[in-house]
N, C-alpha and C. Protein backbone atom coordinates (compact mmCIF):
# COMPACT_ATOMS: atom_id res chain seq x y z
N MET A 1 -10.08 -8.67 26.23
CA MET A 1 -9.67 -7.60 25.33
C MET A 1 -9.46 -8.20 23.94
N PRO A 2 -10.05 -7.60 22.88
CA PRO A 2 -9.88 -8.16 21.53
C PRO A 2 -8.46 -7.97 21.03
N LYS A 3 -8.02 -8.94 20.23
CA LYS A 3 -6.70 -8.85 19.62
C LYS A 3 -6.75 -7.84 18.47
N PRO A 4 -5.63 -7.16 18.20
CA PRO A 4 -5.61 -6.27 17.03
C PRO A 4 -5.86 -7.09 15.77
N LEU A 5 -6.69 -6.59 14.90
CA LEU A 5 -7.02 -7.24 13.64
C LEU A 5 -7.58 -8.64 13.85
N SER A 6 -8.28 -8.85 14.95
CA SER A 6 -8.83 -10.17 15.21
C SER A 6 -9.83 -10.58 14.14
N CYS A 7 -10.41 -9.63 13.44
CA CYS A 7 -11.35 -9.96 12.38
C CYS A 7 -10.62 -10.33 11.09
N ALA A 8 -9.30 -10.19 11.08
CA ALA A 8 -8.55 -10.40 9.85
C ALA A 8 -7.80 -11.71 9.89
N GLY A 9 -8.46 -12.77 9.46
CA GLY A 9 -7.77 -14.03 9.23
C GLY A 9 -7.00 -13.88 7.93
N THR A 10 -6.53 -14.99 7.38
CA THR A 10 -5.77 -14.90 6.14
C THR A 10 -6.59 -14.26 5.02
N ALA A 11 -7.80 -14.75 4.82
CA ALA A 11 -8.65 -14.18 3.77
C ALA A 11 -9.01 -12.74 4.09
N GLY A 12 -9.34 -12.45 5.34
CA GLY A 12 -9.68 -11.09 5.73
C GLY A 12 -8.51 -10.14 5.57
N SER A 13 -7.31 -10.61 5.88
CA SER A 13 -6.12 -9.78 5.72
C SER A 13 -5.89 -9.43 4.26
N LEU A 14 -6.05 -10.41 3.39
CA LEU A 14 -5.85 -10.16 1.97
C LEU A 14 -6.89 -9.19 1.43
N GLN A 15 -8.13 -9.32 1.89
CA GLN A 15 -9.17 -8.39 1.43
C GLN A 15 -8.92 -6.98 1.95
N LEU A 16 -8.43 -6.86 3.19
CA LEU A 16 -8.06 -5.54 3.71
C LEU A 16 -6.90 -4.95 2.92
N LEU A 17 -5.94 -5.78 2.55
CA LEU A 17 -4.81 -5.31 1.76
C LEU A 17 -5.27 -4.83 0.39
N VAL A 18 -6.19 -5.57 -0.23
CA VAL A 18 -6.76 -5.15 -1.51
C VAL A 18 -7.48 -3.81 -1.35
N PHE A 19 -8.27 -3.68 -0.29
CA PHE A 19 -8.96 -2.41 -0.03
C PHE A 19 -7.96 -1.28 0.18
N GLY A 20 -6.90 -1.54 0.94
CA GLY A 20 -5.87 -0.53 1.17
C GLY A 20 -5.20 -0.08 -0.11
N LEU A 21 -4.93 -1.02 -1.01
CA LEU A 21 -4.34 -0.65 -2.30
C LEU A 21 -5.32 0.16 -3.15
N ALA A 22 -6.60 -0.19 -3.08
CA ALA A 22 -7.60 0.59 -3.82
C ALA A 22 -7.67 2.02 -3.29
N VAL A 23 -7.57 2.19 -1.99
CA VAL A 23 -7.56 3.54 -1.40
C VAL A 23 -6.31 4.31 -1.85
N LEU A 24 -5.17 3.62 -1.93
CA LEU A 24 -3.94 4.27 -2.39
C LEU A 24 -4.08 4.72 -3.84
N ILE A 25 -4.68 3.89 -4.67
CA ILE A 25 -4.91 4.27 -6.07
C ILE A 25 -5.80 5.52 -6.13
N ALA A 26 -6.85 5.53 -5.33
CA ALA A 26 -7.73 6.70 -5.29
C ALA A 26 -6.96 7.94 -4.84
N ALA A 27 -6.12 7.80 -3.83
CA ALA A 27 -5.32 8.94 -3.34
C ALA A 27 -4.41 9.46 -4.45
N ASP A 28 -3.74 8.56 -5.15
CA ASP A 28 -2.84 8.97 -6.23
C ASP A 28 -3.60 9.70 -7.34
N LEU A 29 -4.76 9.18 -7.70
CA LEU A 29 -5.54 9.81 -8.78
C LEU A 29 -6.05 11.19 -8.37
N VAL A 30 -6.46 11.33 -7.11
CA VAL A 30 -6.91 12.64 -6.62
C VAL A 30 -5.74 13.62 -6.61
N LEU A 31 -4.58 13.18 -6.15
CA LEU A 31 -3.40 14.06 -6.10
C LEU A 31 -2.91 14.44 -7.50
N ALA A 32 -3.10 13.54 -8.46
CA ALA A 32 -2.67 13.83 -9.83
C ALA A 32 -3.64 14.76 -10.55
N ALA A 33 -4.90 14.74 -10.14
CA ALA A 33 -5.95 15.44 -10.87
C ALA A 33 -5.83 16.96 -10.82
N ASN A 34 -5.43 17.50 -9.68
CA ASN A 34 -5.48 18.95 -9.52
C ASN A 34 -4.57 19.33 -8.35
N ASN A 35 -3.99 20.53 -8.39
CA ASN A 35 -3.17 20.97 -7.28
C ASN A 35 -3.89 21.98 -6.37
N HIS A 36 -5.20 22.09 -6.54
CA HIS A 36 -5.98 22.94 -5.64
C HIS A 36 -5.91 22.34 -4.24
N TRP A 37 -5.95 23.20 -3.23
CA TRP A 37 -5.73 22.72 -1.86
C TRP A 37 -6.77 21.69 -1.41
N LEU A 38 -7.99 21.76 -1.93
CA LEU A 38 -9.01 20.76 -1.56
C LEU A 38 -8.65 19.37 -2.11
N PHE A 39 -8.11 19.33 -3.33
CA PHE A 39 -7.67 18.06 -3.89
C PHE A 39 -6.47 17.52 -3.12
N VAL A 40 -5.55 18.40 -2.80
CA VAL A 40 -4.37 17.98 -2.04
C VAL A 40 -4.80 17.44 -0.68
N LEU A 41 -5.68 18.16 0.01
CA LEU A 41 -6.16 17.71 1.31
C LEU A 41 -6.88 16.36 1.20
N SER A 42 -7.73 16.22 0.20
CA SER A 42 -8.45 14.96 0.00
C SER A 42 -7.49 13.82 -0.30
N GLY A 43 -6.49 14.08 -1.12
CA GLY A 43 -5.49 13.06 -1.44
C GLY A 43 -4.68 12.65 -0.23
N VAL A 44 -4.32 13.62 0.59
CA VAL A 44 -3.56 13.33 1.80
C VAL A 44 -4.40 12.52 2.79
N VAL A 45 -5.67 12.86 2.91
CA VAL A 45 -6.56 12.10 3.80
C VAL A 45 -6.68 10.65 3.32
N LEU A 46 -6.86 10.47 2.01
CA LEU A 46 -6.94 9.11 1.46
C LEU A 46 -5.63 8.36 1.67
N TRP A 47 -4.50 9.04 1.45
CA TRP A 47 -3.21 8.40 1.64
C TRP A 47 -3.03 8.00 3.10
N GLY A 48 -3.44 8.84 4.03
CA GLY A 48 -3.37 8.51 5.45
C GLY A 48 -4.26 7.33 5.79
N LEU A 49 -5.44 7.27 5.18
CA LEU A 49 -6.33 6.13 5.38
C LEU A 49 -5.66 4.85 4.88
N HIS A 50 -5.04 4.92 3.72
CA HIS A 50 -4.30 3.78 3.18
C HIS A 50 -3.23 3.31 4.17
N MET A 51 -2.47 4.25 4.70
CA MET A 51 -1.41 3.90 5.65
C MET A 51 -2.00 3.25 6.89
N GLY A 52 -3.11 3.80 7.38
CA GLY A 52 -3.76 3.24 8.55
C GLY A 52 -4.26 1.82 8.32
N ILE A 53 -4.73 1.55 7.12
CA ILE A 53 -5.24 0.21 6.79
C ILE A 53 -4.09 -0.78 6.62
N THR A 54 -3.04 -0.38 5.94
CA THR A 54 -2.04 -1.37 5.51
C THR A 54 -0.85 -1.56 6.44
N GLN A 55 -0.40 -0.54 7.14
CA GLN A 55 0.86 -0.69 7.87
C GLN A 55 0.75 -1.68 9.04
N GLY A 56 -0.26 -1.54 9.84
CA GLY A 56 -0.45 -2.50 10.93
C GLY A 56 -0.78 -3.88 10.39
N LEU A 57 -1.52 -3.91 9.29
CA LEU A 57 -1.88 -5.18 8.66
C LEU A 57 -0.66 -5.92 8.17
N LEU A 58 0.26 -5.22 7.52
CA LEU A 58 1.48 -5.86 7.03
C LEU A 58 2.31 -6.41 8.18
N ALA A 59 2.42 -5.65 9.26
CA ALA A 59 3.17 -6.13 10.43
C ALA A 59 2.50 -7.37 11.01
N THR A 60 1.18 -7.38 11.08
CA THR A 60 0.46 -8.53 11.58
C THR A 60 0.66 -9.74 10.68
N MET A 61 0.66 -9.53 9.37
CA MET A 61 0.86 -10.63 8.44
C MET A 61 2.26 -11.22 8.58
N VAL A 62 3.26 -10.38 8.80
CA VAL A 62 4.62 -10.88 9.02
C VAL A 62 4.66 -11.70 10.30
N ALA A 63 4.07 -11.18 11.36
CA ALA A 63 4.08 -11.88 12.65
C ALA A 63 3.34 -13.21 12.57
N GLN A 64 2.24 -13.26 11.84
CA GLN A 64 1.46 -14.49 11.72
C GLN A 64 2.13 -15.53 10.82
N THR A 65 2.95 -15.07 9.89
CA THR A 65 3.57 -15.97 8.93
C THR A 65 4.89 -16.55 9.43
N ALA A 66 5.65 -15.76 10.16
CA ALA A 66 6.98 -16.18 10.59
C ALA A 66 6.91 -17.15 11.77
N PRO A 67 7.81 -18.14 11.78
CA PRO A 67 7.89 -19.00 12.97
C PRO A 67 8.31 -18.16 14.18
N PRO A 68 7.82 -18.50 15.37
CA PRO A 68 8.12 -17.67 16.55
C PRO A 68 9.61 -17.41 16.77
N ASP A 69 10.45 -18.39 16.52
CA ASP A 69 11.88 -18.20 16.77
C ASP A 69 12.57 -17.37 15.69
N LEU A 70 11.87 -17.07 14.61
CA LEU A 70 12.46 -16.25 13.54
C LEU A 70 11.71 -14.95 13.30
N ARG A 71 10.84 -14.56 14.24
CA ARG A 71 10.04 -13.35 14.04
C ARG A 71 10.91 -12.09 13.93
N GLY A 72 11.91 -11.98 14.77
CA GLY A 72 12.79 -10.81 14.70
C GLY A 72 13.49 -10.73 13.36
N THR A 73 13.97 -11.86 12.87
CA THR A 73 14.62 -11.92 11.56
C THR A 73 13.62 -11.56 10.46
N ALA A 74 12.40 -12.07 10.59
CA ALA A 74 11.37 -11.78 9.58
C ALA A 74 11.06 -10.28 9.52
N PHE A 75 10.92 -9.66 10.70
CA PHE A 75 10.66 -8.22 10.71
C PHE A 75 11.85 -7.44 10.16
N GLY A 76 13.06 -7.87 10.50
CA GLY A 76 14.25 -7.21 9.97
C GLY A 76 14.32 -7.31 8.46
N PHE A 77 14.05 -8.51 7.93
CA PHE A 77 14.08 -8.71 6.48
C PHE A 77 12.96 -7.92 5.79
N PHE A 78 11.77 -7.94 6.39
CA PHE A 78 10.65 -7.18 5.84
C PHE A 78 10.99 -5.69 5.76
N ASN A 79 11.56 -5.16 6.83
CA ASN A 79 11.91 -3.73 6.84
C ASN A 79 13.07 -3.43 5.90
N LEU A 80 14.01 -4.35 5.75
CA LEU A 80 15.10 -4.17 4.79
C LEU A 80 14.55 -4.09 3.37
N MET A 81 13.70 -5.05 3.02
CA MET A 81 13.12 -5.07 1.67
C MET A 81 12.22 -3.85 1.43
N SER A 82 11.47 -3.44 2.46
CA SER A 82 10.64 -2.24 2.34
C SER A 82 11.51 -1.01 2.10
N GLY A 83 12.61 -0.90 2.81
CA GLY A 83 13.51 0.23 2.64
C GLY A 83 14.13 0.27 1.25
N ILE A 84 14.56 -0.89 0.75
CA ILE A 84 15.14 -0.95 -0.60
C ILE A 84 14.08 -0.57 -1.63
N ALA A 85 12.86 -1.09 -1.47
CA ALA A 85 11.77 -0.76 -2.41
C ALA A 85 11.48 0.74 -2.37
N MET A 86 11.46 1.33 -1.17
CA MET A 86 11.19 2.77 -1.06
C MET A 86 12.31 3.59 -1.69
N LEU A 87 13.56 3.12 -1.58
CA LEU A 87 14.66 3.84 -2.21
C LEU A 87 14.48 3.86 -3.72
N PHE A 88 14.22 2.70 -4.31
CA PHE A 88 14.00 2.66 -5.76
C PHE A 88 12.78 3.46 -6.18
N ALA A 89 11.70 3.35 -5.42
CA ALA A 89 10.48 4.11 -5.73
C ALA A 89 10.74 5.60 -5.66
N SER A 90 11.52 6.03 -4.69
CA SER A 90 11.83 7.46 -4.54
C SER A 90 12.68 7.97 -5.70
N VAL A 91 13.61 7.17 -6.16
CA VAL A 91 14.44 7.56 -7.30
C VAL A 91 13.57 7.70 -8.55
N ILE A 92 12.70 6.72 -8.78
CA ILE A 92 11.80 6.78 -9.93
C ILE A 92 10.85 7.97 -9.81
N ALA A 93 10.29 8.18 -8.62
CA ALA A 93 9.38 9.30 -8.41
C ALA A 93 10.09 10.64 -8.63
N GLY A 94 11.30 10.76 -8.13
CA GLY A 94 12.06 12.00 -8.33
C GLY A 94 12.34 12.27 -9.79
N PHE A 95 12.70 11.21 -10.51
CA PHE A 95 12.95 11.36 -11.95
C PHE A 95 11.68 11.80 -12.67
N LEU A 96 10.56 11.11 -12.40
CA LEU A 96 9.30 11.47 -13.05
C LEU A 96 8.88 12.90 -12.71
N TRP A 97 9.04 13.28 -11.45
CA TRP A 97 8.65 14.63 -11.02
C TRP A 97 9.47 15.68 -11.75
N GLU A 98 10.78 15.46 -11.83
CA GLU A 98 11.66 16.43 -12.49
C GLU A 98 11.43 16.50 -14.00
N GLN A 99 11.22 15.36 -14.62
CA GLN A 99 11.10 15.31 -16.08
C GLN A 99 9.68 15.57 -16.60
N HIS A 100 8.66 15.15 -15.81
CA HIS A 100 7.30 15.20 -16.33
C HIS A 100 6.29 15.87 -15.41
N GLY A 101 6.70 16.26 -14.22
CA GLY A 101 5.81 16.95 -13.30
C GLY A 101 5.15 16.03 -12.28
N SER A 102 4.47 16.65 -11.35
CA SER A 102 3.88 15.92 -10.23
C SER A 102 2.77 14.96 -10.66
N ALA A 103 1.96 15.37 -11.62
CA ALA A 103 0.84 14.51 -12.04
C ALA A 103 1.36 13.17 -12.57
N ALA A 104 2.41 13.20 -13.37
CA ALA A 104 2.98 11.96 -13.91
C ALA A 104 3.45 11.05 -12.79
N THR A 105 4.01 11.64 -11.75
CA THR A 105 4.48 10.85 -10.61
C THR A 105 3.33 10.13 -9.93
N PHE A 106 2.24 10.84 -9.70
CA PHE A 106 1.08 10.22 -9.04
C PHE A 106 0.38 9.22 -9.96
N TYR A 107 0.32 9.50 -11.26
CA TYR A 107 -0.27 8.52 -12.18
C TYR A 107 0.58 7.24 -12.22
N ALA A 108 1.89 7.40 -12.21
CA ALA A 108 2.76 6.22 -12.19
C ALA A 108 2.58 5.43 -10.90
N SER A 109 2.45 6.12 -9.79
CA SER A 109 2.20 5.44 -8.52
C SER A 109 0.88 4.67 -8.55
N ALA A 110 -0.14 5.28 -9.14
CA ALA A 110 -1.43 4.60 -9.26
C ALA A 110 -1.28 3.37 -10.16
N ALA A 111 -0.51 3.48 -11.22
CA ALA A 111 -0.30 2.34 -12.12
C ALA A 111 0.43 1.20 -11.42
N PHE A 112 1.50 1.52 -10.69
CA PHE A 112 2.24 0.49 -9.94
C PHE A 112 1.33 -0.15 -8.89
N SER A 113 0.53 0.66 -8.24
CA SER A 113 -0.38 0.13 -7.22
C SER A 113 -1.44 -0.77 -7.84
N LEU A 114 -1.93 -0.38 -9.01
CA LEU A 114 -2.92 -1.20 -9.71
C LEU A 114 -2.31 -2.55 -10.10
N ILE A 115 -1.08 -2.54 -10.56
CA ILE A 115 -0.40 -3.80 -10.89
C ILE A 115 -0.29 -4.68 -9.64
N ALA A 116 0.12 -4.08 -8.54
CA ALA A 116 0.23 -4.84 -7.28
C ALA A 116 -1.13 -5.39 -6.87
N LEU A 117 -2.17 -4.58 -6.99
CA LEU A 117 -3.52 -5.01 -6.63
C LEU A 117 -3.97 -6.19 -7.49
N LEU A 118 -3.75 -6.10 -8.80
CA LEU A 118 -4.16 -7.18 -9.69
C LEU A 118 -3.38 -8.46 -9.43
N VAL A 119 -2.08 -8.35 -9.21
CA VAL A 119 -1.27 -9.53 -8.90
C VAL A 119 -1.76 -10.16 -7.60
N LEU A 120 -2.01 -9.35 -6.60
CA LEU A 120 -2.50 -9.86 -5.31
C LEU A 120 -3.84 -10.57 -5.48
N MET A 121 -4.74 -9.95 -6.24
CA MET A 121 -6.07 -10.54 -6.42
C MET A 121 -6.00 -11.85 -7.20
N PHE A 122 -5.27 -11.87 -8.30
CA PHE A 122 -5.23 -13.06 -9.14
C PHE A 122 -4.39 -14.17 -8.51
N HIS A 123 -3.32 -13.79 -7.85
CA HIS A 123 -2.48 -14.79 -7.18
C HIS A 123 -3.21 -15.48 -6.03
N ASN A 124 -4.07 -14.75 -5.37
CA ASN A 124 -4.80 -15.29 -4.22
C ASN A 124 -6.26 -15.59 -4.53
N ASN A 125 -6.63 -15.49 -5.84
CA ASN A 125 -7.97 -15.82 -6.29
C ASN A 125 -9.04 -15.03 -5.53
N ILE A 126 -8.82 -13.74 -5.38
CA ILE A 126 -9.77 -12.85 -4.70
C ILE A 126 -10.70 -12.27 -5.76
N ARG A 127 -11.98 -12.37 -5.53
CA ARG A 127 -12.98 -11.84 -6.45
C ARG A 127 -13.72 -10.69 -5.78
N PRO A 128 -13.99 -9.61 -6.57
CA PRO A 128 -14.78 -8.52 -6.01
C PRO A 128 -16.18 -9.01 -5.64
N LYS A 129 -16.72 -8.47 -4.55
CA LYS A 129 -18.08 -8.83 -4.15
C LYS A 129 -19.07 -8.02 -4.97
N GLY A 130 -20.17 -8.63 -5.30
CA GLY A 130 -21.18 -7.88 -6.01
C GLY A 130 -21.85 -8.68 -7.09
């Protein structure tokens, strides 16, 4: 039986994470562009694809990085930091939504995601194929 993400070594994991962030940026831009139900549906599908790509991948990366005797602590710390980041992100998103509308919120999310993508790529020396 194949292991989950068996095709994702360190380099493969980073490339999948880059792809997942690119999908998130696309989802944010689609959701910001228009509030017609087709745009909303397309944005939600892209966002779900992003979640499918990244969530299991992040858990796998934590498990592969942490020493076996500290895996539980690593997952606890990862989830703590994720929760704190989501709290701050939600406060910022709520402020932007109230003050500037939904489009500004999604554009800001795309901008933050682009920054994360660029940092990930340059920090790990990932180059686009082509």
